[in-house]
Amino acid sequence: MSGFEELMKKKAVALKYDAQKNGAPVIVASGMGYMAEKITEAAMEAGVPVYEDDSLATLLSQMKLGAAIPQELYQAVVDIYIYFLGFVPEGIPEEQERSGIPEQDESKGTR
């Protein structure tokens, strides 16, 4: 397979989750080939974790920008978010990174 064919097989989808605005993560960027590479590069430069899953990217890339992910994909996306909860990008102090993650309070759930 040529380099061009390999490039065209690449897919990338960026999700954003804001519990105050949406009940589920929404698609904020999606692309194939060159655009997929640019989406991935932008995420990495911004310190956003990148997770590779071709099957999930294929499903999500068929959705419109701004669309919430379907319920059928909640568990797959939740598993990815859980995987990255401990992720701390280089150069970001741990206390700043963790400020957006609720701490566990065993007696009351999250706080």
PDB file of N, CA and C in Angstrom:
ATOM      1  N   MET A   1       0.849  -1.176   0.000  1.00  0.00           N
ATOM      2  CA  MET A   1       0.000   0.000   0.000  1.00  0.00           C
ATOM      3  C   MET A   1       0.896   1.241   0.000  1.00  0.00           C
ATOM      4  N   SER A   2       0.547   2.215  -0.810  1.00  0.00           N
ATOM      5  CA  SER A   2       1.358   3.426  -0.914  1.00  0.00           C
ATOM      6  C   SER A   2       1.156   4.318   0.305  1.00  0.00           C
ATOM      7  N   GLY A   3       2.053   5.281   0.465  1.00  0.00           N
ATOM      8  CA  GLY A   3       1.945   6.234   1.568  1.00  0.00           C
ATOM      9  C   GLY A   3       0.654   7.025   1.500  1.00  0.00           C
ATOM     10  N   PHE A   4       0.228   7.360   0.275  1.00  0.00           N
ATOM     11  CA  PHE A   4      -1.017   8.101   0.099  1.00  0.00           C
ATOM     12  C   PHE A   4      -2.212   7.269   0.545  1.00  0.00           C
ATOM     13  N   GLU A   5      -2.213   5.984   0.172  1.00  0.00           N
ATOM     14  CA  GLU A   5      -3.318   5.101   0.567  1.00  0.00           C
ATOM     15  C   GLU A   5      -3.370   4.937   2.082  1.00  0.00           C
ATOM     16  N   GLU A   6      -2.199   4.825   2.713  1.00  0.00           N
ATOM     17  CA  GLU A   6      -2.143   4.727   4.176  1.00  0.00           C
ATOM     18  C   GLU A   6      -2.707   5.988   4.817  1.00  0.00           C
ATOM     19  N   LEU A   7      -2.306   7.143   4.288  1.00  0.00           N
ATOM     20  CA  LEU A   7      -2.784   8.418   4.813  1.00  0.00           C
ATOM     21  C   LEU A   7      -4.297   8.514   4.701  1.00  0.00           C
ATOM     22  N   MET A   8      -4.850   8.105   3.586  1.00  0.00           N
ATOM     23  CA  MET A   8      -6.291   8.218   3.368  1.00  0.00           C
ATOM     24  C   MET A   8      -7.101   7.277   4.253  1.00  0.00           C
ATOM     25  N   LYS A   9      -6.474   6.240   4.801  1.00  0.00           N
ATOM     26  CA  LYS A   9      -7.173   5.324   5.705  1.00  0.00           C
ATOM     27  C   LYS A   9      -7.325   5.916   7.104  1.00  0.00           C
ATOM     28  N   LYS A  10      -6.513   6.923   7.433  1.00  0.00           N
ATOM     29  CA  LYS A  10      -6.543   7.495   8.778  1.00  0.00           C
ATOM     30  C   LYS A  10      -7.829   8.281   9.003  1.00  0.00           C
ATOM     31  N   LYS A  11      -8.352   8.146  10.219  1.00  0.00           N
ATOM     32  CA  LYS A  11      -9.544   8.890  10.627  1.00  0.00           C
ATOM     33  C   LYS A  11      -9.270   9.474  12.002  1.00  0.00           C
ATOM     34  N   ALA A  12      -9.845  10.634  12.268  1.00  0.00           N
ATOM     35  CA  ALA A  12      -9.724  11.234  13.597  1.00  0.00           C
ATOM     36  C   ALA A  12     -11.024  11.945  13.933  1.00  0.00           C
ATOM     37  N   VAL A  13     -11.413  11.829  15.191  1.00  0.00           N
ATOM     38  CA  VAL A  13     -12.608  12.497  15.690  1.00  0.00           C
ATOM     39  C   VAL A  13     -12.250  13.105  17.035  1.00  0.00           C
ATOM     40  N   ALA A  14     -12.601  14.373  17.220  1.00  0.00           N
ATOM     41  CA  ALA A  14     -12.365  15.042  18.499  1.00  0.00           C
ATOM     42  C   ALA A  14     -13.701  15.211  19.208  1.00  0.00           C
ATOM     43  N   LEU A  15     -13.704  14.869  20.491  1.00  0.00           N
ATOM     44  CA  LEU A  15     -14.911  14.984  21.306  1.00  0.00           C
ATOM     45  C   LEU A  15     -14.703  16.021  22.397  1.00  0.00           C
ATOM     46  N   LYS A  16     -15.798  16.654  22.797  1.00  0.00           N
ATOM     47  CA  LYS A  16     -15.764  17.587  23.923  1.00  0.00           C
ATOM     48  C   LYS A  16     -16.945  17.253  24.819  1.00  0.00           C
ATOM     49  N   TYR A  17     -16.678  17.241  26.125  1.00  0.00           N
ATOM     50  CA  TYR A  17     -17.761  16.963  27.063  1.00  0.00           C
ATOM     51  C   TYR A  17     -17.871  18.103  28.054  1.00  0.00           C
ATOM     52  N   ASP A  18     -19.032  18.714  28.093  1.00  0.00           N
ATOM     53  CA  ASP A  18     -19.337  19.777  29.045  1.00  0.00           C
ATOM     54  C   ASP A  18     -20.646  19.392  29.717  1.00  0.00           C
ATOM     55  N   ALA A  19     -20.547  18.891  30.934  1.00  0.00           N
ATOM     56  CA  ALA A  19     -21.723  18.393  31.649  1.00  0.00           C
ATOM     57  C   ALA A  19     -22.773  19.482  31.858  1.00  0.00           C
ATOM     58  N   GLN A  20     -22.350  20.753  31.888  1.00  0.00           N
ATOM     59  CA  GLN A  20     -23.295  21.856  32.084  1.00  0.00           C
ATOM     60  C   GLN A  20     -24.141  22.119  30.832  1.00  0.00           C
ATOM     61  N   LYS A  21     -23.588  21.811  29.655  1.00  0.00           N
ATOM     62  CA  LYS A  21     -24.272  22.122  28.398  1.00  0.00           C
ATOM     63  C   LYS A  21     -24.882  20.912  27.704  1.00  0.00           C
ATOM     64  N   ASN A  22     -24.231  19.760  27.824  1.00  0.00           N
ATOM     65  CA  ASN A  22     -24.661  18.584  27.063  1.00  0.00           C
ATOM     66  C   ASN A  22     -24.752  17.364  27.964  1.00  0.00           C
ATOM     67  N   GLY A  23     -25.647  16.470  27.620  1.00  0.00           N
ATOM     68  CA  GLY A  23     -25.767  15.234  28.370  1.00  0.00           C
ATOM     69  C   GLY A  23     -24.755  14.183  27.955  1.00  0.00           C
ATOM     70  N   ALA A  24     -24.092  14.419  26.826  1.00  0.00           N
ATOM     71  CA  ALA A  24     -23.114  13.458  26.301  1.00  0.00           C
ATOM     72  C   ALA A  24     -22.025  14.237  25.565  1.00  0.00           C
ATOM     73  N   PRO A  25     -20.872  13.605  25.361  1.00  0.00           N
ATOM     74  CA  PRO A  25     -19.826  14.266  24.572  1.00  0.00           C
ATOM     75  C   PRO A  25     -20.334  14.579  23.166  1.00  0.00           C
ATOM     76  N   VAL A  26     -19.857  15.692  22.613  1.00  0.00           N
ATOM     77  CA  VAL A  26     -20.240  16.082  21.259  1.00  0.00           C
ATOM     78  C   VAL A  26     -19.013  16.058  20.347  1.00  0.00           C
ATOM     79  N   ILE A  27     -19.268  15.888  19.072  1.00  0.00           N
ATOM     80  CA  ILE A  27     -18.198  15.851  18.078  1.00  0.00           C
ATOM     81  C   ILE A  27     -17.853  17.284  17.695  1.00  0.00           C
ATOM     82  N   VAL A  28     -16.582  17.658  17.918  1.00  0.00           N
ATOM     83  CA  VAL A  28     -16.149  19.020  17.611  1.00  0.00           C
ATOM     84  C   VAL A  28     -15.219  19.076  16.402  1.00  0.00           C
ATOM     85  N   ALA A  29     -14.693  17.942  15.974  1.00  0.00           N
ATOM     86  CA  ALA A  29     -13.859  17.880  14.767  1.00  0.00           C
ATOM     87  C   ALA A  29     -13.864  16.451  14.254  1.00  0.00           C
ATOM     88  N   SER A  30     -13.794  16.318  12.939  1.00  0.00           N
ATOM     89  CA  SER A  30     -13.782  14.995  12.330  1.00  0.00           C
ATOM     90  C   SER A  30     -13.139  15.108  10.958  1.00  0.00           C
ATOM     91  N   GLY A  31     -12.322  14.126  10.620  1.00  0.00           N
ATOM     92  CA  GLY A  31     -11.696  14.175   9.311  1.00  0.00           C
ATOM     93  C   GLY A  31     -10.999  12.885   8.952  1.00  0.00           C
ATOM     94  N   MET A  32     -10.673  12.780   7.666  1.00  0.00           N
ATOM     95  CA  MET A  32      -9.941  11.618   7.155  1.00  0.00           C
ATOM     96  C   MET A  32      -8.670  12.110   6.480  1.00  0.00           C
ATOM     97  N   GLY A  33      -7.701  11.211   6.347  1.00  0.00           N
ATOM     98  CA  GLY A  33      -6.475  11.527   5.633  1.00  0.00           C
ATOM     99  C   GLY A  33      -5.708  12.676   6.255  1.00  0.00           C
ATOM    100  N   TYR A  34      -5.423  13.687   5.432  1.00  0.00           N
ATOM    101  CA  TYR A  34      -4.653  14.847   5.869  1.00  0.00           C
ATOM    102  C   TYR A  34      -5.339  15.547   7.041  1.00  0.00           C
ATOM    103  N   MET A  35      -6.666  15.702   6.979  1.00  0.00           N
ATOM    104  CA  MET A  35      -7.401  16.359   8.067  1.00  0.00           C
ATOM    105  C   MET A  35      -7.286  15.566   9.361  1.00  0.00           C
ATOM    106  N   ALA A  36      -7.303  14.243   9.270  1.00  0.00           N
ATOM    107  CA  ALA A  36      -7.141  13.409  10.462  1.00  0.00           C
ATOM    108  C   ALA A  36      -5.785  13.664  11.106  1.00  0.00           C
ATOM    109  N   GLU A  37      -4.754  13.773  10.280  1.00  0.00           N
ATOM    110  CA  GLU A  37      -3.421  14.067  10.812  1.00  0.00           C
ATOM    111  C   GLU A  37      -3.395  15.425  11.491  1.00  0.00           C
ATOM    112  N   LYS A  38      -4.025  16.423  10.901  1.00  0.00           N
ATOM    113  CA  LYS A  38      -4.041  17.771  11.473  1.00  0.00           C
ATOM    114  C   LYS A  38      -4.827  17.808  12.787  1.00  0.00           C
ATOM    115  N   ILE A  39      -5.936  17.083  12.860  1.00  0.00           N
ATOM    116  CA  ILE A  39      -6.715  17.014  14.099  1.00  0.00           C
ATOM    117  C   ILE A  39      -5.869  16.389  15.201  1.00  0.00           C
ATOM    118  N   THR A  40      -5.186  15.304  14.878  1.00  0.00           N
ATOM    119  CA  THR A  40      -4.335  14.618  15.850  1.00  0.00           C
ATOM    120  C   THR A  40      -3.183  15.514  16.287  1.00  0.00           C
ATOM    121  N   GLU A  41      -2.539  16.184  15.341  1.00  0.00           N
ATOM    122  CA  GLU A  41      -1.435  17.093  15.672  1.00  0.00           C
ATOM    123  C   GLU A  41      -1.907  18.221  16.582  1.00  0.00           C
ATOM    124  N   ALA A  42      -3.058  18.816  16.269  1.00  0.00           N
ATOM    125  CA  ALA A  42      -3.589  19.915  17.078  1.00  0.00           C
ATOM    126  C   ALA A  42      -3.878  19.444  18.500  1.00  0.00           C
ATOM    127  N   ALA A  43      -4.437  18.254  18.629  1.00  0.00           N
ATOM    128  CA  ALA A  43      -4.718  17.705  19.959  1.00  0.00           C
ATOM    129  C   ALA A  43      -3.427  17.518  20.747  1.00  0.00           C
ATOM    130  N   MET A  44      -2.434  16.934  20.114  1.00  0.00           N
ATOM    131  CA  MET A  44      -1.171  16.676  20.801  1.00  0.00           C
ATOM    132  C   MET A  44      -0.483  17.983  21.209  1.00  0.00           C
ATOM    133  N   GLU A  45      -0.507  18.977  20.329  1.00  0.00           N
ATOM    134  CA  GLU A  45       0.094  20.272  20.640  1.00  0.00           C
ATOM    135  C   GLU A  45      -0.623  20.958  21.797  1.00  0.00           C
ATOM    136  N   ALA A  46      -1.931  20.733  21.919  1.00  0.00           N
ATOM    137  CA  ALA A  46      -2.719  21.343  22.992  1.00  0.00           C
ATOM    138  C   ALA A  46      -2.682  20.526  24.277  1.00  0.00           C
ATOM    139  N   GLY A  47      -1.982  19.399  24.255  1.00  0.00           N
ATOM    140  CA  GLY A  47      -1.908  18.558  25.445  1.00  0.00           C
ATOM    141  C   GLY A  47      -3.140  17.703  25.669  1.00  0.00           C
ATOM    142  N   VAL A  48      -3.946  17.546  24.627  1.00  0.00           N
ATOM    143  CA  VAL A  48      -5.145  16.707  24.713  1.00  0.00           C
ATOM    144  C   VAL A  48      -4.727  15.271  24.425  1.00  0.00           C
ATOM    145  N   PRO A  49      -5.117  14.340  25.282  1.00  0.00           N
ATOM    146  CA  PRO A  49      -4.734  12.949  25.035  1.00  0.00           C
ATOM    147  C   PRO A  49      -5.360  12.407  23.753  1.00  0.00           C
ATOM    148  N   VAL A  50      -4.617  11.535  23.091  1.00  0.00           N
ATOM    149  CA  VAL A  50      -5.065  10.927  21.834  1.00  0.00           C
ATOM    150  C   VAL A  50      -5.178   9.423  22.050  1.00  0.00           C
ATOM    151  N   TYR A  51      -6.313   8.864  21.674  1.00  0.00           N
ATOM    152  CA  TYR A  51      -6.579   7.434  21.824  1.00  0.00           C
ATOM    153  C   TYR A  51      -6.881   6.885  20.439  1.00  0.00           C
ATOM    154  N   GLU A  52      -6.242   5.793  20.085  1.00  0.00           N
ATOM    155  CA  GLU A  52      -6.441   5.221  18.753  1.00  0.00           C
ATOM    156  C   GLU A  52      -7.386   4.026  18.806  1.00  0.00           C
ATOM    157  N   ASP A  53      -8.486   4.134  18.085  1.00  0.00           N
ATOM    158  CA  ASP A  53      -9.459   3.053  17.958  1.00  0.00           C
ATOM    159  C   ASP A  53     -10.142   3.237  16.606  1.00  0.00           C
ATOM    160  N   ASP A  54      -9.677   2.502  15.611  1.00  0.00           N
ATOM    161  CA  ASP A  54     -10.159   2.678  14.244  1.00  0.00           C
ATOM    162  C   ASP A  54     -11.657   2.415  14.122  1.00  0.00           C
ATOM    163  N   SER A  55     -12.159   1.404  14.809  1.00  0.00           N
ATOM    164  CA  SER A  55     -13.590   1.078  14.719  1.00  0.00           C
ATOM    165  C   SER A  55     -14.448   2.206  15.277  1.00  0.00           C
ATOM    166  N   LEU A  56     -14.066   2.710  16.450  1.00  0.00           N
ATOM    167  CA  LEU A  56     -14.827   3.799  17.061  1.00  0.00           C
ATOM    168  C   LEU A  56     -14.713   5.066  16.217  1.00  0.00           C
ATOM    169  N   ALA A  57     -13.523   5.354  15.703  1.00  0.00           N
ATOM    170  CA  ALA A  57     -13.340   6.530  14.842  1.00  0.00           C
ATOM    171  C   ALA A  57     -14.208   6.419  13.593  1.00  0.00           C
ATOM    172  N   THR A  58     -14.319   5.227  13.035  1.00  0.00           N
ATOM    173  CA  THR A  58     -15.151   5.024  11.846  1.00  0.00           C
ATOM    174  C   THR A  58     -16.611   5.341  12.157  1.00  0.00           C
ATOM    175  N   LEU A  59     -17.104   4.847  13.279  1.00  0.00           N
ATOM    176  CA  LEU A  59     -18.500   5.104  13.660  1.00  0.00           C
ATOM    177  C   LEU A  59     -18.743   6.583  13.934  1.00  0.00           C
ATOM    178  N   LEU A  60     -17.856   7.198  14.714  1.00  0.00           N
ATOM    179  CA  LEU A  60     -18.047   8.600  15.086  1.00  0.00           C
ATOM    180  C   LEU A  60     -17.858   9.545  13.901  1.00  0.00           C
ATOM    181  N   SER A  61     -17.000   9.177  12.959  1.00  0.00           N
ATOM    182  CA  SER A  61     -16.739  10.057  11.814  1.00  0.00           C
ATOM    183  C   SER A  61     -17.938  10.151  10.869  1.00  0.00           C
ATOM    184  N   GLN A  62     -18.913   9.286  11.028  1.00  0.00           N
ATOM    185  CA  GLN A  62     -20.113   9.326  10.198  1.00  0.00           C
ATOM    186  C   GLN A  62     -21.150  10.306  10.738  1.00  0.00           C
ATOM    187  N   MET A  63     -20.883  10.856  11.914  1.00  0.00           N
ATOM    188  CA  MET A  63     -21.834  11.769  12.550  1.00  0.00           C
ATOM    189  C   MET A  63     -21.522  13.211  12.171  1.00  0.00           C
ATOM    190  N   LYS A  64     -22.511  14.085  12.331  1.00  0.00           N
ATOM    191  CA  LYS A  64     -22.346  15.501  12.018  1.00  0.00           C
ATOM    192  C   LYS A  64     -21.607  16.215  13.146  1.00  0.00           C
ATOM    193  N   LEU A  65     -20.876  17.269  12.780  1.00  0.00           N
ATOM    194  CA  LEU A  65     -20.220  18.093  13.790  1.00  0.00           C
ATOM    195  C   LEU A  65     -21.279  18.686  14.714  1.00  0.00           C
ATOM    196  N   GLY A  66     -20.987  18.717  15.990  1.00  0.00           N
ATOM    197  CA  GLY A  66     -21.918  19.245  16.978  1.00  0.00           C
ATOM    198  C   GLY A  66     -22.904  18.223  17.500  1.00  0.00           C
ATOM    199  N   ALA A  67     -22.922  17.036  16.905  1.00  0.00           N
ATOM    200  CA  ALA A  67     -23.850  15.987  17.340  1.00  0.00           C
ATOM    201  C   ALA A  67     -23.328  15.311  18.602  1.00  0.00           C
ATOM    202  N   ALA A  68     -24.240  14.983  19.487  1.00  0.00           N
ATOM    203  CA  ALA A  68     -23.878  14.204  20.674  1.00  0.00           C
ATOM    204  C   ALA A  68     -23.673  12.754  20.247  1.00  0.00           C
ATOM    205  N   ILE A  69     -22.760  12.083  20.922  1.00  0.00           N
ATOM    206  CA  ILE A  69     -22.540  10.679  20.578  1.00  0.00           C
ATOM    207  C   ILE A  69     -23.797   9.883  20.921  1.00  0.00           C
ATOM    208  N   PRO A  70     -24.100   8.836  20.164  1.00  0.00           N
ATOM    209  CA  PRO A  70     -25.294   8.035  20.444  1.00  0.00           C
ATOM    210  C   PRO A  70     -25.107   7.177  21.698  1.00  0.00           C
ATOM    211  N   GLN A  71     -26.213   6.851  22.335  1.00  0.00           N
ATOM    212  CA  GLN A  71     -26.174   6.041  23.555  1.00  0.00           C
ATOM    213  C   GLN A  71     -25.431   4.730  23.358  1.00  0.00           C
ATOM    214  N   GLU A  72     -25.513   4.166  22.175  1.00  0.00           N
ATOM    215  CA  GLU A  72     -24.853   2.886  21.905  1.00  0.00           C
ATOM    216  C   GLU A  72     -23.335   2.979  22.053  1.00  0.00           C
ATOM    217  N   LEU A  73     -22.782   4.175  21.968  1.00  0.00           N
ATOM    218  CA  LEU A  73     -21.327   4.349  22.073  1.00  0.00           C
ATOM    219  C   LEU A  73     -20.891   4.922  23.418  1.00  0.00           C
ATOM    220  N   TYR A  74     -21.841   5.180  24.324  1.00  0.00           N
ATOM    221  CA  TYR A  74     -21.497   5.747  25.637  1.00  0.00           C
ATOM    222  C   TYR A  74     -20.418   4.933  26.336  1.00  0.00           C
ATOM    223  N   GLN A  75     -20.608   3.622  26.432  1.00  0.00           N
ATOM    224  CA  GLN A  75     -19.668   2.808  27.207  1.00  0.00           C
ATOM    225  C   GLN A  75     -18.266   2.854  26.613  1.00  0.00           C
ATOM    226  N   ALA A  76     -18.165   2.791  25.298  1.00  0.00           N
ATOM    227  CA  ALA A  76     -16.847   2.842  24.658  1.00  0.00           C
ATOM    228  C   ALA A  76     -16.154   4.166  24.959  1.00  0.00           C
ATOM    229  N   VAL A  77     -16.901   5.269  24.890  1.00  0.00           N
ATOM    230  CA  VAL A  77     -16.315   6.584  25.150  1.00  0.00           C
ATOM    231  C   VAL A  77     -16.013   6.759  26.636  1.00  0.00           C
ATOM    232  N   VAL A  78     -16.891   6.286  27.498  1.00  0.00           N
ATOM    233  CA  VAL A  78     -16.631   6.357  28.943  1.00  0.00           C
ATOM    234  C   VAL A  78     -15.352   5.607  29.288  1.00  0.00           C
ATOM    235  N   ASP A  79     -15.157   4.447  28.702  1.00  0.00           N
ATOM    236  CA  ASP A  79     -13.934   3.673  28.961  1.00  0.00           C
ATOM    237  C   ASP A  79     -12.685   4.466  28.577  1.00  0.00           C
ATOM    238  N   ILE A  80     -12.765   5.217  27.494  1.00  0.00           N
ATOM    239  CA  ILE A  80     -11.629   6.033  27.064  1.00  0.00           C
ATOM    240  C   ILE A  80     -11.408   7.184  28.044  1.00  0.00           C
ATOM    241  N   TYR A  81     -12.478   7.865  28.445  1.00  0.00           N
ATOM    242  CA  TYR A  81     -12.345   8.953  29.416  1.00  0.00           C
ATOM    243  C   TYR A  81     -11.743   8.432  30.722  1.00  0.00           C
ATOM    244  N   ILE A  82     -12.194   7.277  31.176  1.00  0.00           N
ATOM    245  CA  ILE A  82     -11.646   6.684  32.404  1.00  0.00           C
ATOM    246  C   ILE A  82     -10.168   6.375  32.226  1.00  0.00           C
ATOM    247  N   TYR A  83      -9.800   5.866  31.070  1.00  0.00           N
ATOM    248  CA  TYR A  83      -8.406   5.550  30.780  1.00  0.00           C
ATOM    249  C   TYR A  83      -7.524   6.788  30.942  1.00  0.00           C
ATOM    250  N   PHE A  84      -8.043   7.942  30.525  1.00  0.00           N
ATOM    251  CA  PHE A  84      -7.246   9.168  30.555  1.00  0.00           C
ATOM    252  C   PHE A  84      -7.398   9.995  31.828  1.00  0.00           C
ATOM    253  N   LEU A  85      -8.235   9.594  32.768  1.00  0.00           N
ATOM    254  CA  LEU A  85      -8.414  10.399  33.977  1.00  0.00           C
ATOM    255  C   LEU A  85      -7.100  10.685  34.695  1.00  0.00           C
ATOM    256  N   GLY A  86      -6.173   9.759  34.657  1.00  0.00           N
ATOM    257  CA  GLY A  86      -4.889   9.969  35.311  1.00  0.00           C
ATOM    258  C   GLY A  86      -3.870  10.653  34.424  1.00  0.00           C
ATOM    259  N   PHE A  87      -4.248  11.009  33.194  1.00  0.00           N
ATOM    260  CA  PHE A  87      -3.329  11.619  32.235  1.00  0.00           C
ATOM    261  C   PHE A  87      -2.993  13.043  32.650  1.00  0.00           C
ATOM    262  N   VAL A  88      -1.695  13.356  32.743  1.00  0.00           N
ATOM    263  CA  VAL A  88      -1.246  14.712  33.044  1.00  0.00           C
ATOM    264  C   VAL A  88      -0.305  15.152  31.925  1.00  0.00           C
ATOM    265  N   PRO A  89      -0.732  16.091  31.063  1.00  0.00           N
ATOM    266  CA  PRO A  89       0.148  16.548  29.986  1.00  0.00           C
ATOM    267  C   PRO A  89       1.427  17.161  30.536  1.00  0.00           C
ATOM    268  N   GLU A  90       2.517  17.000  29.792  1.00  0.00           N
ATOM    269  CA  GLU A  90       3.793  17.589  30.203  1.00  0.00           C
ATOM    270  C   GLU A  90       3.649  19.093  30.328  1.00  0.00           C
ATOM    271  N   GLY A  91       4.235  19.648  31.381  1.00  0.00           N
ATOM    272  CA  GLY A  91       4.251  21.091  31.550  1.00  0.00           C
ATOM    273  C   GLY A  91       3.046  21.653  32.273  1.00  0.00           C
ATOM    274  N   ILE A  92       2.037  20.828  32.566  1.00  0.00           N
ATOM    275  CA  ILE A  92       0.871  21.308  33.300  1.00  0.00           C
ATOM    276  C   ILE A  92       0.978  20.806  34.732  1.00  0.00           C
ATOM    277  N   PRO A  93       0.970  21.730  35.705  1.00  0.00           N
ATOM    278  CA  PRO A  93       1.047  21.289  37.103  1.00  0.00           C
ATOM    279  C   PRO A  93      -0.112  20.353  37.438  1.00  0.00           C
ATOM    280  N   GLU A  94       0.174  19.331  38.227  1.00  0.00           N
ATOM    281  CA  GLU A  94      -0.833  18.314  38.543  1.00  0.00           C
ATOM    282  C   GLU A  94      -2.086  18.918  39.156  1.00  0.00           C
ATOM    283  N   GLU A  95      -1.940  19.910  40.048  1.00  0.00           N
ATOM    284  CA  GLU A  95      -3.122  20.484  40.694  1.00  0.00           C
ATOM    285  C   GLU A  95      -4.019  21.204  39.692  1.00  0.00           C
ATOM    286  N   GLN A  96      -3.429  21.817  38.656  1.00  0.00           N
ATOM    287  CA  GLN A  96      -4.226  22.474  37.620  1.00  0.00           C
ATOM    288  C   GLN A  96      -4.968  21.433  36.789  1.00  0.00           C
ATOM    289  N   GLU A  97      -4.286  20.362  36.423  1.00  0.00           N
ATOM    290  CA  GLU A  97      -4.893  19.316  35.603  1.00  0.00           C
ATOM    291  C   GLU A  97      -6.032  18.654  36.345  1.00  0.00           C
ATOM    292  N   ARG A  98      -5.873  18.413  37.608  1.00  0.00           N
ATOM    293  CA  ARG A  98      -6.878  17.698  38.387  1.00  0.00           C
ATOM    294  C   ARG A  98      -8.051  18.581  38.805  1.00  0.00           C
ATOM    295  N   SER A  99      -7.931  19.900  38.643  1.00  0.00           N
ATOM    296  CA  SER A  99      -8.987  20.798  39.107  1.00  0.00           C
ATOM    297  C   SER A  99     -10.330  20.533  38.428  1.00  0.00           C
ATOM    298  N   GLY A 100     -10.324  19.983  37.231  1.00  0.00           N
ATOM    299  CA  GLY A 100     -11.567  19.706  36.536  1.00  0.00           C
ATOM    300  C   GLY A 100     -12.110  18.313  36.761  1.00  0.00           C
ATOM    301  N   ILE A 101     -11.407  17.508  37.537  1.00  0.00           N
ATOM    302  CA  ILE A 101     -11.825  16.129  37.771  1.00  0.00           C
ATOM    303  C   ILE A 101     -12.389  16.004  39.178  1.00  0.00           C
ATOM    304  N   PRO A 102     -13.633  15.575  39.325  1.00  0.00           N
ATOM    305  CA  PRO A 102     -14.195  15.445  40.671  1.00  0.00           C
ATOM    306  C   PRO A 102     -13.456  14.399  41.490  1.00  0.00           C
ATOM    307  N   GLU A 103     -13.231  14.718  42.759  1.00  0.00           N
ATOM    308  CA  GLU A 103     -12.585  13.766  43.652  1.00  0.00           C
ATOM    309  C   GLU A 103     -13.631  12.794  44.174  1.00  0.00           C
ATOM    310  N   GLN A 104     -13.190  11.592  44.474  1.00  0.00           N
ATOM    311  CA  GLN A 104     -14.100  10.588  44.997  1.00  0.00           C
ATOM    312  C   GLN A 104     -14.271  10.767  46.503  1.00  0.00           C
ATOM    313  N   ASP A 105     -15.494  10.826  46.950  1.00  0.00           N
ATOM    314  CA  ASP A 105     -15.821  10.844  48.365  1.00  0.00           C
ATOM    315  C   ASP A 105     -16.683   9.613  48.589  1.00  0.00           C
ATOM    316  N   GLU A 106     -16.095   8.594  49.194  1.00  0.00           N
ATOM    317  CA  GLU A 106     -16.776   7.307  49.303  1.00  0.00           C
ATOM    318  C   GLU A 106     -18.110   7.401  50.022  1.00  0.00           C
ATOM    319  N   SER A 107     -18.273   8.347  50.948  1.00  0.00           N
ATOM    320  CA  SER A 107     -19.523   8.433  51.686  1.00  0.00           C
ATOM    321  C   SER A 107     -20.631   9.115  50.887  1.00  0.00           C
ATOM    322  N   LYS A 108     -20.257   9.957  49.904  1.00  0.00           N
ATOM    323  CA  LYS A 108     -21.265  10.724  49.176  1.00  0.00           C
ATOM    324  C   LYS A 108     -21.148  10.620  47.666  1.00  0.00           C
ATOM    325  N   GLY A 109     -20.320   9.734  47.143  1.00  0.00           N
ATOM    326  CA  GLY A 109     -20.109   9.661  45.699  1.00  0.00           C
ATOM    327  C   GLY A 109     -19.004  10.612  45.307  1.00  0.00           C
ATOM    328  N   THR A 110     -19.285  11.553  44.394  1.00  0.00           N
ATOM    329  CA  THR A 110     -18.259  12.525  43.994  1.00  0.00           C
ATOM    330  C   THR A 110     -18.504  13.844  44.693  1.00  0.00           C
ATOM    331  N   ARG A 111     -17.464  14.656  44.776  1.00  0.00           N
ATOM    332  CA  ARG A 111     -17.626  15.991  45.359  1.00  0.00           C
ATOM    333  C   ARG A 111     -16.976  17.009  44.484  1.00  0.00           C
TER     334      ARG A 111
END
